Amino acid sequence: MLTFALRRAILGLLVLATVAVLVFVAFRFVPGDIVNRQLEEAGAVTPALLAEKRAQLGLDEPLPVQFYNWISGVAAGDLGKSLWSGRMVSDQIGAALAPTLQLSVLAILIGGILGIGAGVAAALWRGTPVDMVLRVASTVFLAVPQLWLGLLTLTALAAIGYFIPLPYRGFTAAPLLNLQQVVFPAAVLALGVAAALSRLTRSAMLEVVGADFIRAAHARGVSPSGVYLRHGLKNALIPVLTLLGTQFGNLLSGTVIIERIFNIPGLGNLLFESVANRDYPVIQAAVLTYGLITILVNLAVDLSYGLVDPRIREARA
């Protein structure tokens, strides 16, 4: 198991290095740069001033030199300074990371409970109106864009006279107020996760319930709930866990939109503003943070397979 974990960790580092190169190069080819943005704000743009400002920020150097300077700083734990605000990038990422992680974890918990529960229910009542309603609902929520669902949620809340309290407060500072601020955006993110999980859980459960060990459990007199939950669901969890890890990565990308709509000062909101300002160090650090979280989550999911299925644990030993 240790060897497997090391192999996955090395692969994750290679993926992260590839992401670092791609994001660095890609944003350099986006039209306009931060110098144009800053000088537009000042109301004076001349070729000489543009060249002088780019030289001050080191943007006039060749791309390989810029990349080396940035990646060597990252390797030393220095993410640099924001070209827009002058603040340390690590401070900005640290402040924005907590709201995003809270929102994502809450969404994955809500979506996991709803999705797996709905999938098991649909499998148990296969072919009944319950199954049909759950399948239609999962299809609808898979098709609905999160942007539209978020705006619809805000409109519905306003229609009943409820407004999410502002400004944002951290959980440690004001727990109840914080939950009021994050529960609705988390629910919006969770619906897509629940829809995907319910469909996969239903399919996995239907494959498992016809297996020999399920019939043997029935023959031993195990209660129906014990058969389906203790034996059936446990053996159906491998593909569900895989999708859960993938959905966590999708959640992180979804926070870029949802945090903007619900005015949550998280990593997605920071990335949105940094892209608008062409603030390269913050963009690169934010994307790397997203990539690192996704890699760690997928590594945790891979390692969890051994806990669910002893045969996988023995094969990796």
C-alpha atoms as a PDB file:
ATOM      1  CA  MET A   1       0.000   0.000   0.000  1.00  0.00           C
ATOM      2  CA  LEU A   2       2.890   2.368   0.802  1.00  0.00           C
ATOM      3  CA  THR A   3       4.482   1.718  -2.593  1.00  0.00           C
ATOM      4  CA  PHE A   4       1.156   2.400  -4.304  1.00  0.00           C
ATOM      5  CA  ALA A   5       0.731   5.654  -2.375  1.00  0.00           C
ATOM      6  CA  LEU A   6       4.248   6.790  -3.335  1.00  0.00           C
ATOM      7  CA  ARG A   7       3.618   6.025  -7.008  1.00  0.00           C
ATOM      8  CA  ARG A   8       0.374   7.999  -6.942  1.00  0.00           C
ATOM      9  CA  ALA A   9       2.087  10.890  -5.146  1.00  0.00           C
ATOM     10  CA  ILE A  10       4.869  11.043  -7.750  1.00  0.00           C
ATOM     11  CA  LEU A  11       2.279  10.957 -10.539  1.00  0.00           C
ATOM     12  CA  GLY A  12       0.407  13.764  -8.792  1.00  0.00           C
ATOM     13  CA  LEU A  13       3.556  15.898  -8.674  1.00  0.00           C
ATOM     14  CA  LEU A  14       4.094  15.354 -12.407  1.00  0.00           C
ATOM     15  CA  VAL A  15       0.512  16.434 -13.071  1.00  0.00           C
ATOM     16  CA  LEU A  16       0.993  19.503 -10.880  1.00  0.00           C
ATOM     17  CA  ALA A  17       4.183  20.417 -12.751  1.00  0.00           C
ATOM     18  CA  THR A  18       2.329  20.119 -16.070  1.00  0.00           C
ATOM     19  CA  VAL A  19      -0.460  22.333 -14.743  1.00  0.00           C
ATOM     20  CA  ALA A  20       2.121  24.919 -13.639  1.00  0.00           C
ATOM     21  CA  VAL A  21       3.651  25.099 -17.127  1.00  0.00           C
ATOM     22  CA  LEU A  22       0.294  25.221 -18.915  1.00  0.00           C
ATOM     23  CA  VAL A  23      -1.233  27.928 -16.748  1.00  0.00           C
ATOM     24  CA  PHE A  24       1.923  30.045 -16.920  1.00  0.00           C
ATOM     25  CA  VAL A  25       2.098  29.911 -20.711  1.00  0.00           C
ATOM     26  CA  ALA A  26      -1.642  30.095 -21.405  1.00  0.00           C
ATOM     27  CA  PHE A  27      -2.282  33.336 -19.530  1.00  0.00           C
ATOM     28  CA  ARG A  28       0.664  35.044 -21.223  1.00  0.00           C
ATOM     29  CA  PHE A  29      -1.209  34.693 -24.526  1.00  0.00           C
ATOM     30  CA  VAL A  30      -4.441  36.213 -23.227  1.00  0.00           C
ATOM     31  CA  PRO A  31      -4.927  39.632 -24.896  1.00  0.00           C
ATOM     32  CA  GLY A  32      -3.960  42.553 -22.646  1.00  0.00           C
ATOM     33  CA  ASP A  33      -1.919  42.445 -19.476  1.00  0.00           C
ATOM     34  CA  ILE A  34      -1.887  43.956 -16.016  1.00  0.00           C
ATOM     35  CA  VAL A  35       0.119  46.989 -17.177  1.00  0.00           C
ATOM     36  CA  ASN A  36      -2.669  47.969 -19.574  1.00  0.00           C
ATOM     37  CA  ARG A  37      -5.207  47.511 -16.795  1.00  0.00           C
ATOM     38  CA  GLN A  38      -3.275  49.635 -14.319  1.00  0.00           C
ATOM     39  CA  LEU A  39      -2.601  52.440 -16.755  1.00  0.00           C
ATOM     40  CA  GLU A  40      -6.207  52.441 -17.938  1.00  0.00           C
ATOM     41  CA  GLU A  41      -7.184  53.012 -14.310  1.00  0.00           C
ATOM     42  CA  ALA A  42      -4.699  55.912 -14.170  1.00  0.00           C
ATOM     43  CA  GLY A  43      -6.076  57.316 -17.429  1.00  0.00           C
ATOM     44  CA  ALA A  44      -2.707  57.624 -19.205  1.00  0.00           C
ATOM     45  CA  VAL A  45      -1.375  55.067 -21.694  1.00  0.00           C
ATOM     46  CA  THR A  46       1.720  55.739 -23.822  1.00  0.00           C
ATOM     47  CA  PRO A  47       4.155  53.224 -25.386  1.00  0.00           C
ATOM     48  CA  ALA A  48       7.035  54.579 -23.293  1.00  0.00           C
ATOM     49  CA  LEU A  49       5.045  54.299 -20.075  1.00  0.00           C
ATOM     50  CA  LEU A  50       3.922  50.765 -20.961  1.00  0.00           C
ATOM     51  CA  ALA A  51       7.518  49.675 -21.562  1.00  0.00           C
ATOM     52  CA  GLU A  52       8.739  51.298 -18.341  1.00  0.00           C
ATOM     53  CA  LYS A  53       6.000  49.685 -16.255  1.00  0.00           C
ATOM     54  CA  ARG A  54       6.565  46.244 -17.790  1.00  0.00           C
ATOM     55  CA  ALA A  55      10.273  46.521 -16.993  1.00  0.00           C
ATOM     56  CA  GLN A  56       9.465  47.385 -13.369  1.00  0.00           C
ATOM     57  CA  LEU A  57       7.286  44.285 -13.045  1.00  0.00           C
ATOM     58  CA  GLY A  58       9.714  42.009 -14.901  1.00  0.00           C
ATOM     59  CA  LEU A  59       7.245  41.374 -17.714  1.00  0.00           C
ATOM     60  CA  ASP A  60       9.737  42.431 -20.382  1.00  0.00           C
ATOM     61  CA  GLU A  61      11.961  39.402 -19.726  1.00  0.00           C
ATOM     62  CA  PRO A  62      11.750  36.274 -21.934  1.00  0.00           C
ATOM     63  CA  LEU A  63       9.077  33.770 -20.885  1.00  0.00           C
ATOM     64  CA  PRO A  64      11.597  31.052 -19.884  1.00  0.00           C
ATOM     65  CA  VAL A  65      13.308  33.540 -17.538  1.00  0.00           C
ATOM     66  CA  GLN A  66       9.961  34.619 -16.047  1.00  0.00           C
ATOM     67  CA  PHE A  67       8.942  30.988 -15.571  1.00  0.00           C
ATOM     68  CA  TYR A  68      12.249  30.098 -13.911  1.00  0.00           C
ATOM     69  CA  ASN A  69      11.998  33.043 -11.524  1.00  0.00           C
ATOM     70  CA  TRP A  70       8.439  32.096 -10.588  1.00  0.00           C
ATOM     71  CA  ILE A  71       8.866  28.324 -10.258  1.00  0.00           C
ATOM     72  CA  SER A  72      12.090  28.650  -8.271  1.00  0.00           C
ATOM     73  CA  GLY A  73      10.243  30.912  -5.840  1.00  0.00           C
ATOM     74  CA  VAL A  74       7.368  28.438  -5.585  1.00  0.00           C
ATOM     75  CA  ALA A  75       9.823  25.605  -4.876  1.00  0.00           C
ATOM     76  CA  ALA A  76      11.268  27.732  -2.044  1.00  0.00           C
ATOM     77  CA  GLY A  77       7.765  28.417  -0.669  1.00  0.00           C
ATOM     78  CA  ASP A  78       7.556  31.956  -2.039  1.00  0.00           C
ATOM     79  CA  LEU A  79       4.506  32.560  -4.235  1.00  0.00           C
ATOM     80  CA  GLY A  80       5.566  36.136  -4.886  1.00  0.00           C
ATOM     81  CA  LYS A  81       3.600  39.373  -4.653  1.00  0.00           C
ATOM     82  CA  SER A  82       0.405  40.398  -6.345  1.00  0.00           C
ATOM     83  CA  LEU A  83       1.109  42.682  -9.281  1.00  0.00           C
ATOM     84  CA  TRP A  84      -2.222  44.408  -8.678  1.00  0.00           C
ATOM     85  CA  SER A  85      -2.366  44.956  -4.912  1.00  0.00           C
ATOM     86  CA  GLY A  86       1.245  44.424  -3.889  1.00  0.00           C
ATOM     87  CA  ARG A  87       0.170  41.969  -1.166  1.00  0.00           C
ATOM     88  CA  MET A  88       1.899  38.632  -0.642  1.00  0.00           C
ATOM     89  CA  VAL A  89       0.182  36.009  -2.770  1.00  0.00           C
ATOM     90  CA  SER A  90       0.458  33.427   0.015  1.00  0.00           C
ATOM     91  CA  ASP A  91      -1.548  35.708   2.322  1.00  0.00           C
ATOM     92  CA  GLN A  92      -4.277  36.142  -0.291  1.00  0.00           C
ATOM     93  CA  ILE A  93      -4.461  32.413  -1.037  1.00  0.00           C
ATOM     94  CA  GLY A  94      -4.502  31.558   2.671  1.00  0.00           C
ATOM     95  CA  ALA A  95      -7.346  33.967   3.376  1.00  0.00           C
ATOM     96  CA  ALA A  96      -9.407  32.739   0.419  1.00  0.00           C
ATOM     97  CA  LEU A  97      -8.778  29.012   0.878  1.00  0.00           C
ATOM     98  CA  ALA A  98     -10.824  28.494   4.059  1.00  0.00           C
ATOM     99  CA  PRO A  99     -14.201  29.690   2.608  1.00  0.00           C
ATOM    100  CA  THR A 100     -13.690  27.589  -0.533  1.00  0.00           C
ATOM    101  CA  LEU A 101     -12.797  24.433   1.388  1.00  0.00           C
ATOM    102  CA  GLN A 102     -15.732  24.927   3.754  1.00  0.00           C
ATOM    103  CA  LEU A 103     -18.114  25.429   0.828  1.00  0.00           C
ATOM    104  CA  SER A 104     -16.748  22.418  -1.084  1.00  0.00           C
ATOM    105  CA  VAL A 105     -16.711  20.033   1.896  1.00  0.00           C
ATOM    106  CA  LEU A 106     -20.238  21.032   2.919  1.00  0.00           C
ATOM    107  CA  ALA A 107     -21.439  20.595  -0.670  1.00  0.00           C
ATOM    108  CA  ILE A 108     -19.806  17.168  -1.032  1.00  0.00           C
ATOM    109  CA  LEU A 109     -21.334  16.030   2.281  1.00  0.00           C
ATOM    110  CA  ILE A 110     -24.828  17.190   1.314  1.00  0.00           C
ATOM    111  CA  GLY A 111     -24.483  15.841  -2.219  1.00  0.00           C
ATOM    112  CA  GLY A 112     -23.029  12.534  -1.038  1.00  0.00           C
ATOM    113  CA  ILE A 113     -25.778  11.877   1.491  1.00  0.00           C
ATOM    114  CA  LEU A 114     -28.577  12.892  -0.896  1.00  0.00           C
ATOM    115  CA  GLY A 115     -27.076  11.163  -3.939  1.00  0.00           C
ATOM    116  CA  ILE A 116     -26.188   7.832  -2.346  1.00  0.00           C
ATOM    117  CA  GLY A 117     -29.468   7.769  -0.436  1.00  0.00           C
ATOM    118  CA  ALA A 118     -31.478   8.503  -3.583  1.00  0.00           C
ATOM    119  CA  GLY A 119     -29.526   5.903  -5.567  1.00  0.00           C
ATOM    120  CA  VAL A 120     -30.145   3.184  -2.976  1.00  0.00           C
ATOM    121  CA  ALA A 121     -33.844   4.124  -2.783  1.00  0.00           C
ATOM    122  CA  ALA A 122     -34.191   4.045  -6.578  1.00  0.00           C
ATOM    123  CA  ALA A 123     -32.559   0.598  -6.698  1.00  0.00           C
ATOM    124  CA  LEU A 124     -34.729  -0.807  -3.909  1.00  0.00           C
ATOM    125  CA  TRP A 125     -37.940   0.517  -5.525  1.00  0.00           C
ATOM    126  CA  ARG A 126     -36.867  -0.164  -9.090  1.00  0.00           C
ATOM    127  CA  GLY A 127     -39.650   0.330 -11.627  1.00  0.00           C
ATOM    128  CA  THR A 128     -41.933   2.143  -9.175  1.00  0.00           C
ATOM    129  CA  PRO A 129     -43.024   5.807  -9.235  1.00  0.00           C
ATOM    130  CA  VAL A 130     -40.322   6.522  -6.616  1.00  0.00           C
ATOM    131  CA  ASP A 131     -37.648   5.266  -8.991  1.00  0.00           C
ATOM    132  CA  MET A 132     -39.101   7.276 -11.875  1.00  0.00           C
ATOM    133  CA  VAL A 133     -39.263  10.535  -9.877  1.00  0.00           C
ATOM    134  CA  LEU A 134     -35.687  10.148  -8.607  1.00  0.00           C
ATOM    135  CA  ARG A 135     -34.353   9.393 -12.089  1.00  0.00           C
ATOM    136  CA  VAL A 136     -36.133  12.370 -13.634  1.00  0.00           C
ATOM    137  CA  ALA A 137     -34.890  14.647 -10.831  1.00  0.00           C
ATOM    138  CA  SER A 138     -31.293  13.471 -11.302  1.00  0.00           C
ATOM    139  CA  THR A 139     -31.496  14.122 -15.054  1.00  0.00           C
ATOM    140  CA  VAL A 140     -32.873  17.625 -14.492  1.00  0.00           C
ATOM    141  CA  PHE A 141     -30.207  18.631 -11.980  1.00  0.00           C
ATOM    142  CA  LEU A 142     -27.455  17.227 -14.181  1.00  0.00           C
ATOM    143  CA  ALA A 143     -28.678  19.385 -17.052  1.00  0.00           C
ATOM    144  CA  VAL A 144     -29.270  22.624 -15.125  1.00  0.00           C
ATOM    145  CA  PRO A 145     -26.246  25.004 -15.175  1.00  0.00           C
ATOM    146  CA  GLN A 146     -24.997  26.046 -11.739  1.00  0.00           C
ATOM    147  CA  LEU A 147     -25.035  29.696 -12.787  1.00  0.00           C
ATOM    148  CA  TRP A 148     -28.755  29.566 -13.545  1.00  0.00           C
ATOM    149  CA  LEU A 149     -29.514  27.527 -10.419  1.00  0.00           C
ATOM    150  CA  GLY A 150     -27.597  29.975  -8.228  1.00  0.00           C
ATOM    151  CA  LEU A 151     -29.409  32.979  -9.667  1.00  0.00           C
ATOM    152  CA  LEU A 152     -32.734  31.163  -9.333  1.00  0.00           C
ATOM    153  CA  THR A 153     -31.976  30.402  -5.676  1.00  0.00           C
ATOM    154  CA  LEU A 154     -31.230  34.059  -4.930  1.00  0.00           C
ATOM    155  CA  THR A 155     -34.407  35.128  -6.747  1.00  0.00           C
ATOM    156  CA  ALA A 156     -36.514  32.591  -4.855  1.00  0.00           C
ATOM    157  CA  LEU A 157     -35.066  33.664  -1.508  1.00  0.00           C
ATOM    158  CA  ALA A 158     -35.730  37.322  -2.306  1.00  0.00           C
ATOM    159  CA  ALA A 159     -39.300  36.463  -3.332  1.00  0.00           C
ATOM    160  CA  ILE A 160     -40.040  35.073   0.126  1.00  0.00           C
ATOM    161  CA  GLY A 161     -38.336  38.033   1.810  1.00  0.00           C
ATOM    162  CA  TYR A 162     -35.127  36.298   2.895  1.00  0.00           C
ATOM    163  CA  PHE A 163     -31.742  37.849   2.109  1.00  0.00           C
ATOM    164  CA  ILE A 164     -28.419  36.165   2.846  1.00  0.00           C
ATOM    165  CA  PRO A 165     -26.624  38.260   5.504  1.00  0.00           C
ATOM    166  CA  LEU A 166     -23.602  40.266   4.396  1.00  0.00           C
ATOM    167  CA  PRO A 167     -20.689  40.832   4.687  1.00  0.00           C
ATOM    168  CA  TYR A 168     -19.164  37.375   4.855  1.00  0.00           C
ATOM    169  CA  ARG A 169     -18.016  36.220   8.288  1.00  0.00           C
ATOM    170  CA  GLY A 170     -15.745  33.254   8.954  1.00  0.00           C
ATOM    171  CA  PHE A 171     -17.004  30.191  10.812  1.00  0.00           C
ATOM    172  CA  THR A 172     -14.759  30.764  13.832  1.00  0.00           C
ATOM    173  CA  ALA A 173     -15.876  34.393  14.119  1.00  0.00           C
ATOM    174  CA  ALA A 174     -19.632  33.842  13.783  1.00  0.00           C
ATOM    175  CA  PRO A 175     -20.660  30.169  13.313  1.00  0.00           C
ATOM    176  CA  LEU A 176     -24.422  30.657  12.918  1.00  0.00           C
ATOM    177  CA  LEU A 177     -24.086  33.651  10.620  1.00  0.00           C
ATOM    178  CA  ASN A 178     -21.472  31.816   8.563  1.00  0.00           C
ATOM    179  CA  LEU A 179     -23.757  28.791   8.098  1.00  0.00           C
ATOM    180  CA  GLN A 180     -26.559  31.068   6.890  1.00  0.00           C
ATOM    181  CA  GLN A 181     -24.137  32.456   4.309  1.00  0.00           C
ATOM    182  CA  VAL A 182     -22.778  29.143   2.977  1.00  0.00           C
ATOM    183  CA  VAL A 183     -25.682  26.687   3.250  1.00  0.00           C
ATOM    184  CA  PHE A 184     -27.495  27.928   0.123  1.00  0.00           C
ATOM    185  CA  PRO A 185     -24.456  28.085  -2.199  1.00  0.00           C
ATOM    186  CA  ALA A 186     -23.379  24.685  -0.845  1.00  0.00           C
ATOM    187  CA  ALA A 187     -26.841  23.297  -1.636  1.00  0.00           C
ATOM    188  CA  VAL A 188     -26.621  24.662  -5.192  1.00  0.00           C
ATOM    189  CA  LEU A 189     -23.272  22.909  -5.694  1.00  0.00           C
ATOM    190  CA  ALA A 190     -24.531  19.750  -3.964  1.00  0.00           C
ATOM    191  CA  LEU A 191     -27.481  19.199  -6.314  1.00  0.00           C
ATOM    192  CA  GLY A 192     -25.242  18.411  -9.285  1.00  0.00           C
ATOM    193  CA  VAL A 193     -23.134  16.055  -7.157  1.00  0.00           C
ATOM    194  CA  ALA A 194     -26.241  14.317  -5.804  1.00  0.00           C
ATOM    195  CA  ALA A 195     -27.676  13.866  -9.298  1.00  0.00           C
ATOM    196  CA  ALA A 196     -24.522  12.192 -10.634  1.00  0.00           C
ATOM    197  CA  LEU A 197     -24.054  10.012  -7.540  1.00  0.00           C
ATOM    198  CA  SER A 198     -27.684   8.853  -7.465  1.00  0.00           C
ATOM    199  CA  ARG A 199     -27.547   7.547 -11.027  1.00  0.00           C
ATOM    200  CA  LEU A 200     -24.262   5.719 -10.509  1.00  0.00           C
ATOM    201  CA  THR A 201     -25.305   4.340  -7.098  1.00  0.00           C
ATOM    202  CA  ARG A 202     -28.538   2.996  -8.573  1.00  0.00           C
ATOM    203  CA  SER A 203     -26.661   1.230 -11.397  1.00  0.00           C
ATOM    204  CA  ALA A 204     -24.009  -0.176  -9.041  1.00  0.00           C
ATOM    205  CA  MET A 205     -26.642  -1.418  -6.597  1.00  0.00           C
ATOM    206  CA  LEU A 206     -28.638  -3.138  -9.356  1.00  0.00           C
ATOM    207  CA  GLU A 207     -25.481  -4.960 -10.474  1.00  0.00           C
ATOM    208  CA  VAL A 208     -24.689  -6.080  -6.934  1.00  0.00           C
ATOM    209  CA  VAL A 209     -28.141  -7.231  -5.797  1.00  0.00           C
ATOM    210  CA  GLY A 210     -28.088 -10.128  -8.265  1.00  0.00           C
ATOM    211  CA  ALA A 211     -24.742 -11.459  -7.049  1.00  0.00           C
ATOM    212  CA  ASP A 212     -24.353 -14.839  -5.319  1.00  0.00           C
ATOM    213  CA  PHE A 213     -23.292 -13.379  -1.963  1.00  0.00           C
ATOM    214  CA  ILE A 214     -26.528 -11.338  -1.836  1.00  0.00           C
ATOM    215  CA  ARG A 215     -28.599 -14.477  -2.380  1.00  0.00           C
ATOM    216  CA  ALA A 216     -26.520 -16.249   0.258  1.00  0.00           C
ATOM    217  CA  ALA A 217     -27.193 -13.434   2.729  1.00  0.00           C
ATOM    218  CA  HIS A 218     -30.932 -13.749   2.035  1.00  0.00           C
ATOM    219  CA  ALA A 219     -30.693 -17.489   2.607  1.00  0.00           C
ATOM    220  CA  ARG A 220     -28.987 -16.952   5.975  1.00  0.00           C
ATOM    221  CA  GLY A 221     -31.962 -14.894   7.098  1.00  0.00           C
ATOM    222  CA  VAL A 222     -30.272 -11.496   7.031  1.00  0.00           C
ATOM    223  CA  SER A 223     -32.835  -8.699   7.102  1.00  0.00           C
ATOM    224  CA  PRO A 224     -33.470  -6.856   3.793  1.00  0.00           C
ATOM    225  CA  SER A 225     -31.980  -3.660   5.185  1.00  0.00           C
ATOM    226  CA  GLY A 226     -28.866  -5.548   6.280  1.00  0.00           C
ATOM    227  CA  VAL A 227     -28.547  -7.239   2.897  1.00  0.00           C
ATOM    228  CA  TYR A 228     -28.760  -4.045   0.888  1.00  0.00           C
ATOM    229  CA  LEU A 229     -26.924  -1.660   3.192  1.00  0.00           C
ATOM    230  CA  ARG A 230     -24.267  -3.804   4.867  1.00  0.00           C
ATOM    231  CA  HIS A 231     -23.542  -6.150   1.953  1.00  0.00           C
ATOM    232  CA  GLY A 232     -24.904  -4.530  -1.204  1.00  0.00           C
ATOM    233  CA  LEU A 233     -23.960  -0.898  -0.688  1.00  0.00           C
ATOM    234  CA  LYS A 234     -20.477  -1.686   0.596  1.00  0.00           C
ATOM    235  CA  ASN A 235     -19.661  -3.665  -2.546  1.00  0.00           C
ATOM    236  CA  ALA A 236     -21.178  -0.993  -4.776  1.00  0.00           C
ATOM    237  CA  LEU A 237     -19.090   1.811  -3.257  1.00  0.00           C
ATOM    238  CA  ILE A 238     -15.951   1.457  -5.422  1.00  0.00           C
ATOM    239  CA  PRO A 239     -17.342   3.246  -8.515  1.00  0.00           C
ATOM    240  CA  VAL A 240     -19.242   5.649  -6.232  1.00  0.00           C
ATOM    241  CA  LEU A 241     -16.032   6.655  -4.443  1.00  0.00           C
ATOM    242  CA  THR A 242     -14.318   7.195  -7.794  1.00  0.00           C
ATOM    243  CA  LEU A 243     -17.100   9.530  -8.927  1.00  0.00           C
ATOM    244  CA  LEU A 244     -17.081  11.271  -5.547  1.00  0.00           C
ATOM    245  CA  GLY A 245     -13.415  12.177  -6.003  1.00  0.00           C
ATOM    246  CA  THR A 246     -14.091  13.435  -9.522  1.00  0.00           C
ATOM    247  CA  GLN A 247     -17.071  15.459  -8.332  1.00  0.00           C
ATOM    248  CA  PHE A 248     -14.948  17.160  -5.672  1.00  0.00           C
ATOM    249  CA  GLY A 249     -12.713  18.444  -8.439  1.00  0.00           C
ATOM    250  CA  ASN A 250     -15.779  19.659 -10.333  1.00  0.00           C
ATOM    251  CA  LEU A 251     -17.000  21.386  -7.173  1.00  0.00           C
ATOM    252  CA  LEU A 252     -13.789  23.375  -6.927  1.00  0.00           C
ATOM    253  CA  SER A 253     -14.253  24.661 -10.471  1.00  0.00           C
ATOM    254  CA  GLY A 254     -17.915  25.406  -9.720  1.00  0.00           C
ATOM    255  CA  THR A 255     -16.974  27.608  -6.783  1.00  0.00           C
ATOM    256  CA  VAL A 256     -15.567  30.191  -9.220  1.00  0.00           C
ATOM    257  CA  ILE A 257     -19.132  30.984 -10.330  1.00  0.00           C
ATOM    258  CA  ILE A 258     -21.014  30.294  -7.102  1.00  0.00           C
ATOM    259  CA  GLU A 259     -18.695  32.342  -4.890  1.00  0.00           C
ATOM    260  CA  ARG A 260     -19.095  35.248  -7.270  1.00  0.00           C
ATOM    261  CA  ILE A 261     -22.897  35.014  -7.231  1.00  0.00           C
ATOM    262  CA  PHE A 262     -23.185  34.664  -3.445  1.00  0.00           C
ATOM    263  CA  ASN A 263     -20.364  37.127  -2.692  1.00  0.00           C
ATOM    264  CA  ILE A 264     -18.174  34.657  -0.801  1.00  0.00           C
ATOM    265  CA  PRO A 265     -14.505  35.781  -0.604  1.00  0.00           C
ATOM    266  CA  GLY A 266     -13.104  32.390  -1.510  1.00  0.00           C
ATOM    267  CA  LEU A 267     -10.502  31.096  -3.920  1.00  0.00           C
ATOM    268  CA  GLY A 268     -12.938  31.145  -6.853  1.00  0.00           C
ATOM    269  CA  ASN A 269     -13.804  34.793  -6.289  1.00  0.00           C
ATOM    270  CA  LEU A 270     -10.119  35.652  -5.971  1.00  0.00           C
ATOM    271  CA  LEU A 271      -9.339  33.810  -9.209  1.00  0.00           C
ATOM    272  CA  PHE A 272     -12.174  35.588 -11.034  1.00  0.00           C
ATOM    273  CA  GLU A 273     -10.899  39.024 -10.007  1.00  0.00           C
ATOM    274  CA  SER A 274      -7.283  38.099 -10.728  1.00  0.00           C
ATOM    275  CA  VAL A 275      -8.133  36.937 -14.253  1.00  0.00           C
ATOM    276  CA  ALA A 276      -9.977  40.214 -14.870  1.00  0.00           C
ATOM    277  CA  ASN A 277      -6.915  42.161 -13.662  1.00  0.00           C
ATOM    278  CA  ARG A 278      -4.371  39.842 -15.359  1.00  0.00           C
ATOM    279  CA  ASP A 279      -2.678  39.409 -11.982  1.00  0.00           C
ATOM    280  CA  TYR A 280      -0.419  36.532 -13.076  1.00  0.00           C
ATOM    281  CA  PRO A 281       1.146  35.507  -9.729  1.00  0.00           C
ATOM    282  CA  VAL A 282      -2.262  35.203  -8.047  1.00  0.00           C
ATOM    283  CA  ILE A 283      -3.788  33.345 -11.014  1.00  0.00           C
ATOM    284  CA  GLN A 284      -0.915  30.868 -11.120  1.00  0.00           C
ATOM    285  CA  ALA A 285      -0.979  30.287  -7.352  1.00  0.00           C
ATOM    286  CA  ALA A 286      -4.767  29.847  -7.303  1.00  0.00           C
ATOM    287  CA  VAL A 287      -4.759  27.313 -10.148  1.00  0.00           C
ATOM    288  CA  LEU A 288      -1.888  25.413  -8.523  1.00  0.00           C
ATOM    289  CA  THR A 289      -3.852  25.336  -5.262  1.00  0.00           C
ATOM    290  CA  TYR A 290      -6.885  23.951  -7.066  1.00  0.00           C
ATOM    291  CA  GLY A 291      -4.690  21.332  -8.718  1.00  0.00           C
ATOM    292  CA  LEU A 292      -3.010  20.337  -5.456  1.00  0.00           C
ATOM    293  CA  ILE A 293      -6.342  19.918  -3.656  1.00  0.00           C
ATOM    294  CA  THR A 294      -7.734  17.822  -6.513  1.00  0.00           C
ATOM    295  CA  ILE A 295      -4.652  15.577  -6.531  1.00  0.00           C
ATOM    296  CA  LEU A 296      -4.796  15.081  -2.741  1.00  0.00           C
ATOM    297  CA  VAL A 297      -8.505  14.238  -2.875  1.00  0.00           C
ATOM    298  CA  ASN A 298      -7.980  11.692  -5.663  1.00  0.00           C
ATOM    299  CA  LEU A 299      -5.079  10.157  -3.734  1.00  0.00           C
ATOM    300  CA  ALA A 300      -7.304   9.843  -0.661  1.00  0.00           C
ATOM    301  CA  VAL A 301     -10.018   8.201  -2.778  1.00  0.00           C
ATOM    302  CA  ASP A 302      -7.535   5.714  -4.252  1.00  0.00           C
ATOM    303  CA  LEU A 303      -6.291   4.785  -0.785  1.00  0.00           C
ATOM    304  CA  SER A 304      -9.861   4.420   0.504  1.00  0.00           C
ATOM    305  CA  TYR A 305     -10.517   1.579  -1.953  1.00  0.00           C
ATOM    306  CA  GLY A 306      -8.517  -0.727   0.303  1.00  0.00           C
ATOM    307  CA  LEU A 307     -10.723   0.142   3.268  1.00  0.00           C
ATOM    308  CA  VAL A 308     -13.878  -0.697   1.334  1.00  0.00           C
ATOM    309  CA  ASP A 309     -12.619  -3.847  -0.424  1.00  0.00           C
ATOM    310  CA  PRO A 310     -10.019  -6.031   1.388  1.00  0.00           C
ATOM    311  CA  ARG A 311      -9.112  -7.692  -1.930  1.00  0.00           C
ATOM    312  CA  ILE A 312      -7.719  -4.388  -3.226  1.00  0.00           C
ATOM    313  CA  ARG A 313      -5.797  -3.857   0.013  1.00  0.00           C
ATOM    314  CA  GLU A 314      -4.194  -7.304  -0.303  1.00  0.00           C
ATOM    315  CA  ALA A 315      -3.340  -6.740  -3.980  1.00  0.00           C
ATOM    316  CA  ARG A 316      -1.557  -3.485  -3.143  1.00  0.00           C
ATOM    317  CA  ALA A 317       0.247  -4.817  -0.076  1.00  0.00           C
END
